[in-house]
All heavy atoms as atom14 arrays in JSON, in Angstrom:
{
  "sequence": "TDLSILKNIPPLVEKIKLQFDEVNFIVHTADIL",
  "atom14_mask": [
    [1, 1, 1, 1, 1, 1, 1, 0, 0, 0, 0, 0, 0, 0],
    [1, 1, 1, 1, 1, 1, 1, 1, 0, 0, 0, 0, 0, 0],
    [1, 1, 1, 1, 1, 1, 1, 1, 0, 0, 0, 0, 0, 0],
    [1, 1, 1, 1, 1, 1, 0, 0, 0, 0, 0, 0, 0, 0],
    [1, 1, 1, 1, 1, 1, 1, 1, 0, 0, 0, 0, 0, 0],
    [1, 1, 1, 1, 1, 1, 1, 1, 0, 0, 0, 0, 0, 0],
    [1, 1, 1, 1, 1, 1, 1, 1, 1, 0, 0, 0, 0, 0],
    [1, 1, 1, 1, 1, 1, 1, 1, 0, 0, 0, 0, 0, 0],
    [1, 1, 1, 1, 1, 1, 1, 1, 0, 0, 0, 0, 0, 0],
    [1, 1, 1, 1, 1, 1, 1, 0, 0, 0, 0, 0, 0, 0],
    [1, 1, 1, 1, 1, 1, 1, 0, 0, 0, 0, 0, 0, 0],
    [1, 1, 1, 1, 1, 1, 1, 1, 0, 0, 0, 0, 0, 0],
    [1, 1, 1, 1, 1, 1, 1, 0, 0, 0, 0, 0, 0, 0],
    [1, 1, 1, 1, 1, 1, 1, 1, 1, 0, 0, 0, 0, 0],
    [1, 1, 1, 1, 1, 1, 1, 1, 1, 0, 0, 0, 0, 0],
    [1, 1, 1, 1, 1, 1, 1, 1, 0, 0, 0, 0, 0, 0],
    [1, 1, 1, 1, 1, 1, 1, 1, 1, 0, 0, 0, 0, 0],
    [1, 1, 1, 1, 1, 1, 1, 1, 0, 0, 0, 0, 0, 0],
    [1, 1, 1, 1, 1, 1, 1, 1, 1, 0, 0, 0, 0, 0],
    [1, 1, 1, 1, 1, 1, 1, 1, 1, 1, 1, 0, 0, 0],
    [1, 1, 1, 1, 1, 1, 1, 1, 0, 0, 0, 0, 0, 0],
    [1, 1, 1, 1, 1, 1, 1, 1, 1, 0, 0, 0, 0, 0],
    [1, 1, 1, 1, 1, 1, 1, 0, 0, 0, 0, 0, 0, 0],
    [1, 1, 1, 1, 1, 1, 1, 1, 0, 0, 0, 0, 0, 0],
    [1, 1, 1, 1, 1, 1, 1, 1, 1, 1, 1, 0, 0, 0],
    [1, 1, 1, 1, 1, 1, 1, 1, 0, 0, 0, 0, 0, 0],
    [1, 1, 1, 1, 1, 1, 1, 0, 0, 0, 0, 0, 0, 0],
    [1, 1, 1, 1, 1, 1, 1, 1, 1, 1, 0, 0, 0, 0],
    [1, 1, 1, 1, 1, 1, 1, 0, 0, 0, 0, 0, 0, 0],
    [1, 1, 1, 1, 1, 0, 0, 0, 0, 0, 0, 0, 0, 0],
    [1, 1, 1, 1, 1, 1, 1, 1, 0, 0, 0, 0, 0, 0],
    [1, 1, 1, 1, 1, 1, 1, 1, 0, 0, 0, 0, 0, 0],
    [1, 1, 1, 1, 1, 1, 1, 1, 0, 0, 0, 0, 0, 0]
  ],
  "atom14_positions": [
    [[107.88, -21.39, 40.74], [108.09, -21.79, 39.35], [109.37, -22.6, 39.26], [110.21, -22.56, 40.17], [108.16, -20.57, 38.42], [108.02, -20.99, 37.06], [109.49, -19.83, 38.56], [0.0, 0.0, 0.0], [0.0, 0.0, 0.0], [0.0, 0.0, 0.0], [0.0, 0.0, 0.0], [0.0, 0.0, 0.0], [0.0, 0.0, 0.0], [0.0, 0.0, 0.0]],
    [[109.53, -23.31, 38.18], [110.77, -24.03, 37.89], [111.61, -23.12, 37.01], [111.31, -22.91, 35.83], [110.46, -25.34, 37.17], [111.71, -26.17, 36.9], [112.83, -25.63, 37.04], [111.58, -27.35, 36.52], [0.0, 0.0, 0.0], [0.0, 0.0, 0.0], [0.0, 0.0, 0.0], [0.0, 0.0, 0.0], [0.0, 0.0, 0.0], [0.0, 0.0, 0.0]],
    [[112.66, -22.55, 37.58], [113.49, -21.56, 36.88], [114.35, -22.17, 35.78], [114.93, -21.43, 34.98], [114.37, -20.82, 37.88], [113.62, -19.94, 38.88], [114.5, -19.61, 40.08], [113.13, -18.67, 38.21], [0.0, 0.0, 0.0], [0.0, 0.0, 0.0], [0.0, 0.0, 0.0], [0.0, 0.0, 0.0], [0.0, 0.0, 0.0], [0.0, 0.0, 0.0]],
    [[114.44, -23.49, 35.74], [115.23, -24.13, 34.68], [114.5, -24.16, 33.35], [115.11, -24.42, 32.32], [115.63, -25.55, 35.09], [114.5, -26.43, 35.05], [0.0, 0.0, 0.0], [0.0, 0.0, 0.0], [0.0, 0.0, 0.0], [0.0, 0.0, 0.0], [0.0, 0.0, 0.0], [0.0, 0.0, 0.0], [0.0, 0.0, 0.0], [0.0, 0.0, 0.0]],
    [[113.19, -23.9, 33.37], [112.39, -23.91, 32.14], [112.19, -22.47, 31.68], [111.5, -21.68, 32.33], [111.02, -24.58, 32.38], [111.22, -25.99, 32.97], [110.22, -24.64, 31.09], [112.03, -26.92, 32.1], [0.0, 0.0, 0.0], [0.0, 0.0, 0.0], [0.0, 0.0, 0.0], [0.0, 0.0, 0.0], [0.0, 0.0, 0.0], [0.0, 0.0, 0.0]],
    [[112.79, -22.12, 30.56], [112.8, -20.73, 30.12], [111.4, -20.21, 29.8], [111.11, -19.03, 30.02], [113.71, -20.56, 28.9], [115.19, -20.91, 29.12], [116.01, -20.55, 27.88], [115.75, -20.25, 30.35], [0.0, 0.0, 0.0], [0.0, 0.0, 0.0], [0.0, 0.0, 0.0], [0.0, 0.0, 0.0], [0.0, 0.0, 0.0], [0.0, 0.0, 0.0]],
    [[110.53, -21.07, 29.3], [109.17, -20.61, 28.96], [108.38, -20.23, 30.21], [107.33, -19.58, 30.11], [108.42, -21.67, 28.16], [108.11, -22.95, 28.91], [107.42, -23.96, 28.0], [107.1, -25.27, 28.74], [106.49, -26.27, 27.84], [0.0, 0.0, 0.0], [0.0, 0.0, 0.0], [0.0, 0.0, 0.0], [0.0, 0.0, 0.0], [0.0, 0.0, 0.0]],
    [[108.88, -20.6, 31.41], [108.23, -20.19, 32.65], [108.54, -18.75, 33.03], [107.81, -18.15, 33.84], [108.69, -21.09, 33.81], [108.13, -22.5, 33.73], [107.22, -22.77, 32.95], [108.66, -23.4, 34.53], [0.0, 0.0, 0.0], [0.0, 0.0, 0.0], [0.0, 0.0, 0.0], [0.0, 0.0, 0.0], [0.0, 0.0, 0.0], [0.0, 0.0, 0.0]],
    [[109.6, -18.19, 32.47], [110.06, -16.87, 32.92], [109.14, -15.73, 32.48], [108.81, -14.87, 33.32], [111.51, -16.62, 32.45], [112.45, -17.76, 32.9], [112.02, -15.28, 32.98], [112.52, -17.96, 34.39], [0.0, 0.0, 0.0], [0.0, 0.0, 0.0], [0.0, 0.0, 0.0], [0.0, 0.0, 0.0], [0.0, 0.0, 0.0], [0.0, 0.0, 0.0]],
    [[108.69, -15.66, 31.21], [107.78, -14.55, 30.84], [106.52, -14.46, 31.69], [106.2, -13.37, 32.19], [107.48, -14.84, 29.37], [108.69, -15.55, 28.88], [109.1, -16.44, 30.02], [0.0, 0.0, 0.0], [0.0, 0.0, 0.0], [0.0, 0.0, 0.0], [0.0, 0.0, 0.0], [0.0, 0.0, 0.0], [0.0, 0.0, 0.0], [0.0, 0.0, 0.0]],
    [[105.77, -15.57, 31.92], [104.59, -15.44, 32.8], [104.96, -15.11, 34.24], [104.19, -14.45, 34.95], [103.9, -16.8, 32.68], [104.92, -17.73, 32.14], [105.84, -16.92, 31.31], [0.0, 0.0, 0.0], [0.0, 0.0, 0.0], [0.0, 0.0, 0.0], [0.0, 0.0, 0.0], [0.0, 0.0, 0.0], [0.0, 0.0, 0.0], [0.0, 0.0, 0.0]],
    [[106.12, -15.57, 34.69], [106.59, -15.23, 36.03], [106.77, -13.72, 36.17], [106.3, -13.11, 37.14], [107.91, -15.94, 36.32], [108.64, -15.53, 37.6], [107.84, -15.95, 38.84], [110.05, -16.12, 37.63], [0.0, 0.0, 0.0], [0.0, 0.0, 0.0], [0.0, 0.0, 0.0], [0.0, 0.0, 0.0], [0.0, 0.0, 0.0], [0.0, 0.0, 0.0]],
    [[107.42, -13.11, 35.19], [107.65, -11.67, 35.23], [106.33, -10.9, 35.18], [106.15, -9.88, 35.86], [108.6, -11.24, 34.08], [108.66, -9.73, 33.96], [109.99, -11.81, 34.32], [0.0, 0.0, 0.0], [0.0, 0.0, 0.0], [0.0, 0.0, 0.0], [0.0, 0.0, 0.0], [0.0, 0.0, 0.0], [0.0, 0.0, 0.0], [0.0, 0.0, 0.0]],
    [[105.39, -11.38, 34.39], [104.07, -10.74, 34.33], [103.4, -10.75, 35.7], [102.79, -9.75, 36.12], [103.19, -11.44, 33.3], [103.61, -11.21, 31.86], [102.74, -11.95, 30.86], [101.71, -12.53, 31.29], [103.08, -11.98, 29.67], [0.0, 0.0, 0.0], [0.0, 0.0, 0.0], [0.0, 0.0, 0.0], [0.0, 0.0, 0.0], [0.0, 0.0, 0.0]],
    [[103.51, -11.86, 36.43], [102.92, -11.96, 37.76], [103.6, -11.01, 38.73], [102.94, -10.4, 39.59], [103.02, -13.41, 38.27], [102.13, -14.39, 37.54], [102.36, -15.81, 38.06], [101.52, -16.82, 37.29], [101.79, -18.21, 37.73], [0.0, 0.0, 0.0], [0.0, 0.0, 0.0], [0.0, 0.0, 0.0], [0.0, 0.0, 0.0], [0.0, 0.0, 0.0]],
    [[104.91, -10.88, 38.62], [105.63, -9.97, 39.51], [105.16, -8.53, 39.29], [104.91, -7.79, 40.25], [107.15, -10.06, 39.26], [107.68, -11.43, 39.68], [107.9, -8.95, 40.02], [109.11, -11.69, 39.26], [0.0, 0.0, 0.0], [0.0, 0.0, 0.0], [0.0, 0.0, 0.0], [0.0, 0.0, 0.0], [0.0, 0.0, 0.0], [0.0, 0.0, 0.0]],
    [[105.01, -8.15, 38.04], [104.61, -6.77, 37.73], [103.16, -6.49, 38.11], [102.8, -5.34, 38.33], [104.89, -6.48, 36.26], [106.38, -6.42, 35.94], [106.67, -5.99, 34.51], [108.17, -5.86, 34.28], [108.5, -5.41, 32.9], [0.0, 0.0, 0.0], [0.0, 0.0, 0.0], [0.0, 0.0, 0.0], [0.0, 0.0, 0.0], [0.0, 0.0, 0.0]],
    [[102.36, -7.54, 38.22], [101.0, -7.35, 38.72], [101.01, -7.09, 40.23], [100.14, -6.39, 40.76], [100.15, -8.58, 38.42], [99.71, -8.77, 36.95], [99.01, -10.11, 36.79], [98.79, -7.63, 36.5], [0.0, 0.0, 0.0], [0.0, 0.0, 0.0], [0.0, 0.0, 0.0], [0.0, 0.0, 0.0], [0.0, 0.0, 0.0], [0.0, 0.0, 0.0]],
    [[102.0, -7.65, 40.92], [102.08, -7.48, 42.37], [102.88, -6.24, 42.77], [102.56, -5.59, 43.76], [102.72, -8.73, 43.01], [101.86, -9.98, 42.87], [102.33, -11.09, 43.77], [102.77, -10.85, 44.89], [102.22, -12.32, 43.3], [0.0, 0.0, 0.0], [0.0, 0.0, 0.0], [0.0, 0.0, 0.0], [0.0, 0.0, 0.0], [0.0, 0.0, 0.0]],
    [[103.93, -5.94, 42.01], [104.8, -4.81, 42.32], [104.69, -3.78, 41.21], [104.99, -4.08, 40.04], [106.25, -5.26, 42.44], [106.62, -5.88, 43.75], [105.68, -6.06, 44.77], [107.91, -6.31, 44.0], [106.03, -6.63, 45.97], [108.28, -6.87, 45.19], [107.33, -7.04, 46.2], [0.0, 0.0, 0.0], [0.0, 0.0, 0.0], [0.0, 0.0, 0.0]],
    [[104.31, -2.55, 41.55], [104.23, -1.5, 40.54], [105.6, -0.89, 40.24], [105.76, -0.06, 39.36], [103.25, -0.4, 40.96], [103.61, 0.22, 42.31], [104.61, -0.21, 42.92], [102.87, 1.12, 42.76], [0.0, 0.0, 0.0], [0.0, 0.0, 0.0], [0.0, 0.0, 0.0], [0.0, 0.0, 0.0], [0.0, 0.0, 0.0], [0.0, 0.0, 0.0]],
    [[106.6, -1.3, 41.01], [107.99, -0.95, 40.75], [108.88, -1.97, 41.43], [108.42, -2.7, 42.32], [108.33, 0.46, 41.27], [108.23, 0.58, 42.78], [108.67, 1.95, 43.27], [109.29, 2.7, 42.5], [108.39, 2.27, 44.45], [0.0, 0.0, 0.0], [0.0, 0.0, 0.0], [0.0, 0.0, 0.0], [0.0, 0.0, 0.0], [0.0, 0.0, 0.0]],
    [[110.12, -2.05, 41.01], [111.08, -2.95, 41.65], [112.37, -2.18, 41.88], [112.92, -1.59, 40.95], [111.35, -4.21, 40.79], [112.51, -5.01, 41.37], [110.11, -5.09, 40.73], [0.0, 0.0, 0.0], [0.0, 0.0, 0.0], [0.0, 0.0, 0.0], [0.0, 0.0, 0.0], [0.0, 0.0, 0.0], [0.0, 0.0, 0.0], [0.0, 0.0, 0.0]],
    [[112.84, -2.19, 43.13], [114.05, -1.44, 43.49], [115.31, -2.29, 43.48], [116.4, -1.78, 43.22], [113.88, -0.8, 44.87], [112.66, 0.09, 44.96], [111.7, -0.24, 45.65], [112.66, 1.2, 44.24], [0.0, 0.0, 0.0], [0.0, 0.0, 0.0], [0.0, 0.0, 0.0], [0.0, 0.0, 0.0], [0.0, 0.0, 0.0], [0.0, 0.0, 0.0]],
    [[115.16, -3.58, 43.78], [116.31, -4.48, 43.79], [115.91, -5.84, 43.22], [114.82, -6.34, 43.49], [116.83, -4.7, 45.22], [117.43, -3.49, 45.86], [116.65, -2.65, 46.64], [118.78, -3.19, 45.71], [117.19, -1.53, 47.25], [119.34, -2.07, 46.3], [118.54, -1.24, 47.07], [0.0, 0.0, 0.0], [0.0, 0.0, 0.0], [0.0, 0.0, 0.0]],
    [[116.84, -6.43, 42.45], [116.71, -7.81, 41.98], [117.94, -8.57, 42.45], [119.08, -8.12, 42.23], [116.6, -7.89, 40.45], [115.32, -7.19, 39.96], [116.64, -9.35, 39.98], [115.26, -7.05, 38.45], [0.0, 0.0, 0.0], [0.0, 0.0, 0.0], [0.0, 0.0, 0.0], [0.0, 0.0, 0.0], [0.0, 0.0, 0.0], [0.0, 0.0, 0.0]],
    [[117.73, -9.7, 43.11], [118.84, -10.52, 43.59], [118.67, -11.94, 43.06], [117.61, -12.55, 43.24], [118.9, -10.56, 45.14], [120.13, -11.33, 45.59], [118.89, -9.15, 45.72], [0.0, 0.0, 0.0], [0.0, 0.0, 0.0], [0.0, 0.0, 0.0], [0.0, 0.0, 0.0], [0.0, 0.0, 0.0], [0.0, 0.0, 0.0], [0.0, 0.0, 0.0]],
    [[119.7, -12.45, 42.41], [119.68, -13.82, 41.88], [120.53, -14.72, 42.77], [121.75, -14.55, 42.87], [120.25, -13.85, 40.45], [119.37, -13.21, 39.44], [118.36, -13.88, 38.8], [119.37, -11.94, 38.94], [117.76, -13.05, 37.94], [118.35, -11.88, 38.02], [0.0, 0.0, 0.0], [0.0, 0.0, 0.0], [0.0, 0.0, 0.0], [0.0, 0.0, 0.0]],
    [[119.89, -15.69, 43.42], [120.62, -16.66, 44.23], [120.32, -18.1, 43.82], [120.89, -19.03, 44.4], [120.28, -16.49, 45.73], [118.9, -16.79, 45.93], [120.56, -15.08, 46.21], [0.0, 0.0, 0.0], [0.0, 0.0, 0.0], [0.0, 0.0, 0.0], [0.0, 0.0, 0.0], [0.0, 0.0, 0.0], [0.0, 0.0, 0.0], [0.0, 0.0, 0.0]],
    [[119.43, -18.31, 42.86], [119.04, -19.67, 42.46], [120.25, -20.44, 41.95], [121.05, -19.9, 41.17], [117.96, -19.61, 41.39], [0.0, 0.0, 0.0], [0.0, 0.0, 0.0], [0.0, 0.0, 0.0], [0.0, 0.0, 0.0], [0.0, 0.0, 0.0], [0.0, 0.0, 0.0], [0.0, 0.0, 0.0], [0.0, 0.0, 0.0], [0.0, 0.0, 0.0]],
    [[120.38, -21.67, 42.38], [121.54, -22.47, 42.0], [121.16, -23.94, 42.03], [120.12, -24.33, 42.57], [122.69, -22.19, 42.96], [124.05, -22.55, 42.39], [124.11, -23.11, 41.27], [125.06, -22.28, 43.06], [0.0, 0.0, 0.0], [0.0, 0.0, 0.0], [0.0, 0.0, 0.0], [0.0, 0.0, 0.0], [0.0, 0.0, 0.0], [0.0, 0.0, 0.0]],
    [[122.02, -24.75, 41.46], [121.86, -26.2, 41.48], [123.25, -26.8, 41.41], [124.15, -26.24, 40.78], [120.98, -26.7, 40.31], [120.71, -28.2, 40.44], [121.61, -26.36, 38.97], [119.69, -28.71, 39.42], [0.0, 0.0, 0.0], [0.0, 0.0, 0.0], [0.0, 0.0, 0.0], [0.0, 0.0, 0.0], [0.0, 0.0, 0.0], [0.0, 0.0, 0.0]],
    [[123.46, -27.91, 42.09], [124.76, -28.56, 42.09], [124.55, -30.06, 41.97], [123.95, -30.68, 42.83], [125.52, -28.22, 43.39], [127.01, -28.52, 43.42], [127.74, -27.73, 42.35], [127.58, -28.2, 44.79], [0.0, 0.0, 0.0], [0.0, 0.0, 0.0], [0.0, 0.0, 0.0], [0.0, 0.0, 0.0], [0.0, 0.0, 0.0], [0.0, 0.0, 0.0]]
  ]
}
């Protein structure tokens, strides 16, 4: 997904929760320069 577009985030999270029934760690490394 393109993380710079906020409207992409809700469907992204829905897809994650369909794949993972729980999440133990979240790590944010996305960046742009």
